[in-house]
Amino acid sequence: MVLEGAIDEEKLHSFNIPQYMPSPTEVEGSFAISRLDTSEIRWVDCCGSCGGEDVAKCMRSVAEPMLVEHFGET
């Protein structure tokens, strides 16, 4: 999209959604944990039959507002 001129290269490099979800086992022993809350995403509950398109729509509902805010409507 940068090569096509659709977005500015600086905007591309300044956009970041860091996401890492370690398991409780991965963080065990790394530091003292006084409280640990976990959650499970049950795609079937929020997306019906849980087909790929349904999962994509769920992910889009979270990511799209951030993308529009950063890159604009177009």
C-alpha atoms as a PDB file:
ATOM      1  CA  MET A   1       0.000   0.000   0.000  1.00  0.00           C
ATOM      2  CA  VAL A   2       2.957   2.310   0.605  1.00  0.00           C
ATOM      3  CA  LEU A   3       4.315   1.555  -2.874  1.00  0.00           C
ATOM      4  CA  GLU A   4       0.897   2.317  -4.357  1.00  0.00           C
ATOM      5  CA  GLY A   5       0.754   5.617  -2.449  1.00  0.00           C
ATOM      6  CA  ALA A   6      -2.318   4.568  -0.458  1.00  0.00           C
ATOM      7  CA  ILE A   7      -0.623   5.175   2.887  1.00  0.00           C
ATOM      8  CA  ASP A   8       2.408   7.119   4.047  1.00  0.00           C
ATOM      9  CA  GLU A   9       5.466   5.034   4.952  1.00  0.00           C
ATOM     10  CA  GLU A  10       5.917   6.937   8.221  1.00  0.00           C
ATOM     11  CA  LYS A  11       2.348   6.068   9.249  1.00  0.00           C
ATOM     12  CA  LEU A  12       2.978   2.425   8.399  1.00  0.00           C
ATOM     13  CA  HIS A  13       6.051   2.280  10.631  1.00  0.00           C
ATOM     14  CA  SER A  14       4.381   4.139  13.483  1.00  0.00           C
ATOM     15  CA  PHE A  15       1.410   1.746  13.705  1.00  0.00           C
ATOM     16  CA  ASN A  16       1.754  -1.099  16.171  1.00  0.00           C
ATOM     17  CA  ILE A  17      -0.663  -3.310  18.061  1.00  0.00           C
ATOM     18  CA  PRO A  18       1.590  -5.361  20.330  1.00  0.00           C
ATOM     19  CA  GLN A  19      -0.158  -8.490  21.440  1.00  0.00           C
ATOM     20  CA  TYR A  20       1.324 -11.467  23.206  1.00  0.00           C
ATOM     21  CA  MET A  21      -0.701 -13.805  25.345  1.00  0.00           C
ATOM     22  CA  PRO A  22       1.624 -16.074  27.315  1.00  0.00           C
ATOM     23  CA  SER A  23       0.208 -19.051  29.122  1.00  0.00           C
ATOM     24  CA  PRO A  24       0.402 -19.128  32.932  1.00  0.00           C
ATOM     25  CA  THR A  25       3.170 -21.740  32.580  1.00  0.00           C
ATOM     26  CA  GLU A  26       5.299 -19.356  30.491  1.00  0.00           C
ATOM     27  CA  VAL A  27       5.303 -16.633  33.139  1.00  0.00           C
ATOM     28  CA  GLU A  28       5.629 -18.974  36.113  1.00  0.00           C
ATOM     29  CA  GLY A  29       8.853 -18.290  38.014  1.00  0.00           C
ATOM     30  CA  SER A  30       9.637 -15.095  36.111  1.00  0.00           C
ATOM     31  CA  PHE A  31       8.268 -12.833  38.832  1.00  0.00           C
ATOM     32  CA  ALA A  32       5.927 -12.912  41.802  1.00  0.00           C
ATOM     33  CA  ILE A  33       2.271 -13.075  40.790  1.00  0.00           C
ATOM     34  CA  SER A  34      -0.181 -11.939  43.423  1.00  0.00           C
ATOM     35  CA  ARG A  35      -3.205 -12.341  41.159  1.00  0.00           C
ATOM     36  CA  LEU A  36      -3.698 -13.990  37.790  1.00  0.00           C
ATOM     37  CA  ASP A  37      -6.894 -13.625  35.787  1.00  0.00           C
ATOM     38  CA  THR A  38      -7.347 -15.476  32.535  1.00  0.00           C
ATOM     39  CA  SER A  39     -10.053 -15.382  29.947  1.00  0.00           C
ATOM     40  CA  GLU A  40     -11.013 -17.694  27.145  1.00  0.00           C
ATOM     41  CA  ILE A  41     -12.409 -16.522  23.844  1.00  0.00           C
ATOM     42  CA  ARG A  42     -15.154 -18.889  22.822  1.00  0.00           C
ATOM     43  CA  TRP A  43     -15.544 -18.040  19.157  1.00  0.00           C
ATOM     44  CA  VAL A  44     -18.706 -20.129  18.904  1.00  0.00           C
ATOM     45  CA  ASP A  45     -20.392 -17.963  21.559  1.00  0.00           C
ATOM     46  CA  CYS A  46     -19.573 -14.646  19.902  1.00  0.00           C
ATOM     47  CA  CYS A  47     -19.450 -15.637  16.253  1.00  0.00           C
ATOM     48  CA  GLY A  48     -22.078 -18.307  15.723  1.00  0.00           C
ATOM     49  CA  SER A  49     -20.875 -21.283  13.752  1.00  0.00           C
ATOM     50  CA  CYS A  50     -17.239 -20.181  14.117  1.00  0.00           C
ATOM     51  CA  GLY A  51     -16.342 -20.267  10.466  1.00  0.00           C
ATOM     52  CA  GLY A  52     -13.289 -18.364   9.306  1.00  0.00           C
ATOM     53  CA  GLU A  53     -15.384 -15.458   8.068  1.00  0.00           C
ATOM     54  CA  ASP A  54     -17.090 -15.146  11.464  1.00  0.00           C
ATOM     55  CA  VAL A  55     -13.763 -15.059  13.299  1.00  0.00           C
ATOM     56  CA  ALA A  56     -12.457 -12.448  10.848  1.00  0.00           C
ATOM     57  CA  LYS A  57     -15.512 -10.266  11.505  1.00  0.00           C
ATOM     58  CA  CYS A  58     -14.909 -10.472  15.264  1.00  0.00           C
ATOM     59  CA  MET A  59     -11.256  -9.509  14.841  1.00  0.00           C
ATOM     60  CA  ARG A  60     -12.194  -6.704  12.447  1.00  0.00           C
ATOM     61  CA  SER A  61     -14.608  -5.223  14.974  1.00  0.00           C
ATOM     62  CA  VAL A  62     -11.634  -4.618  17.275  1.00  0.00           C
ATOM     63  CA  ALA A  63      -8.923  -3.692  14.776  1.00  0.00           C
ATOM     64  CA  GLU A  64     -10.840  -1.562  12.275  1.00  0.00           C
ATOM     65  CA  PRO A  65     -11.490   1.448  14.551  1.00  0.00           C
ATOM     66  CA  MET A  66      -7.772   1.606  15.420  1.00  0.00           C
ATOM     67  CA  LEU A  67      -6.769   1.334  11.751  1.00  0.00           C
ATOM     68  CA  VAL A  68      -9.229   4.059  10.719  1.00  0.00           C
ATOM     69  CA  GLU A  69      -8.042   6.339  13.528  1.00  0.00           C
ATOM     70  CA  HIS A  70      -4.409   5.931  12.476  1.00  0.00           C
ATOM     71  CA  PHE A  71      -4.638   5.743   8.668  1.00  0.00           C
ATOM     72  CA  GLY A  72      -7.951   7.494   7.948  1.00  0.00           C
ATOM     73  CA  GLU A  73     -11.189   6.330   6.358  1.00  0.00           C
ATOM     74  CA  THR A  74      -9.751   5.552   2.924  1.00  0.00           C
END
